[in-house]
Protein backbone atom coordinates (compact mmCIF):
# COMPACT_ATOMS: atom_id res chain seq x y z
CA MET A 1 0.00 0.00 0.00
CA CYS A 2 1.36 3.44 -0.92
CA ILE A 3 1.41 6.39 1.45
CA GLY A 4 -1.57 8.62 0.74
CA THR A 5 -3.71 5.87 -0.79
CA THR A 6 -7.38 6.07 0.24
CA ILE A 7 -8.49 2.76 1.69
CA LEU A 8 -11.89 3.71 3.10
CA THR A 9 -14.34 6.56 2.68
CA CYS A 10 -17.65 7.04 4.46
CA LYS A 11 -19.99 9.76 5.64
CA PRO A 12 -19.26 11.18 9.08
CA LEU A 13 -21.31 9.82 11.97
CA SER A 14 -22.02 13.36 13.05
CA PHE A 15 -21.18 16.86 11.98
CA ALA A 16 -21.60 20.38 13.28
CA ILE A 17 -22.02 23.45 11.16
CA SER A 18 -21.92 26.96 12.54
CA ASN A 19 -25.23 28.84 12.38
CA ASP A 20 -23.92 31.38 9.89
CA LYS A 21 -22.96 28.57 7.44
CA GLN A 22 -25.89 26.16 7.79
CA ASN A 23 -27.75 27.57 4.78
CA ASN A 24 -24.67 27.05 2.59
CA VAL A 25 -23.82 23.39 3.33
CA CYS A 26 -25.64 20.49 1.66
CA CYS A 27 -27.03 18.11 4.31
CA ASN A 28 -26.17 15.09 2.17
CA CYS A 29 -22.82 15.66 0.43
CA TYR A 30 -21.59 18.55 2.63
CA ARG A 31 -20.62 20.71 -0.35
CA VAL A 32 -20.42 24.41 0.45
CA LEU A 33 -22.30 26.52 -2.08
CA PRO A 34 -23.65 30.07 -1.96
CA LYS A 35 -27.25 29.05 -2.83
CA LEU A 36 -28.98 25.83 -1.75
CA SER A 37 -32.61 24.72 -1.74
CA ALA A 38 -34.29 24.35 1.67
CA CYS A 39 -36.41 21.30 2.50
CA SER A 40 -40.06 22.25 2.06
CA LYS A 41 -41.09 20.11 5.07
CA CYS A 42 -38.66 21.21 7.78
CA ASN A 43 -37.12 24.32 6.16
CA TYR A 44 -33.92 23.43 8.06
CA ALA A 45 -32.13 20.96 5.79
CA HIS A 46 -30.55 22.41 2.65
CA TYR A 47 -29.56 20.52 -0.48
CA CYS A 48 -27.43 21.31 -3.52
CA CYS A 49 -29.53 19.18 -5.90
CA ARG A 50 -32.55 16.92 -6.11
CA GLN A 51 -30.37 13.78 -6.01
CA CYS A 52 -28.96 14.82 -2.60
CA GLN A 53 -32.43 15.53 -1.27
CA VAL A 54 -33.68 12.10 -2.34
CA ALA A 55 -30.54 10.36 -1.02
CA ASP A 56 -30.99 12.05 2.38
CA TRP A 57 -34.72 11.33 2.58
CA TYR A 58 -34.44 8.12 4.64
CA ARG A 59 -32.12 9.70 7.22
CA SER A 60 -34.38 12.72 7.52
CA LEU A 61 -37.48 10.54 7.82
CA ARG A 62 -35.96 8.63 10.75
CA LEU A 63 -35.17 11.92 12.50
CA PHE A 64 -38.73 13.20 12.12
CA ILE A 65 -40.35 9.94 13.23
CA HIS A 66 -38.20 9.60 16.36
CA SER A 67 -38.22 13.26 17.42
């Protein structure tokens, strides 16, 4: 194995975003962009594209059901 070779990638188990940046970070892929679309249900989650919103749907659903 070479130094610097990626052997594993995964989403973080948790993340924290400062309040002033939360509207600029996609809740699924964590890309930082100046303009994101807010979730129409919670108006808290923001997504860079429809694919990220759909991919994050199951995680979001579990949060709403158990909260």
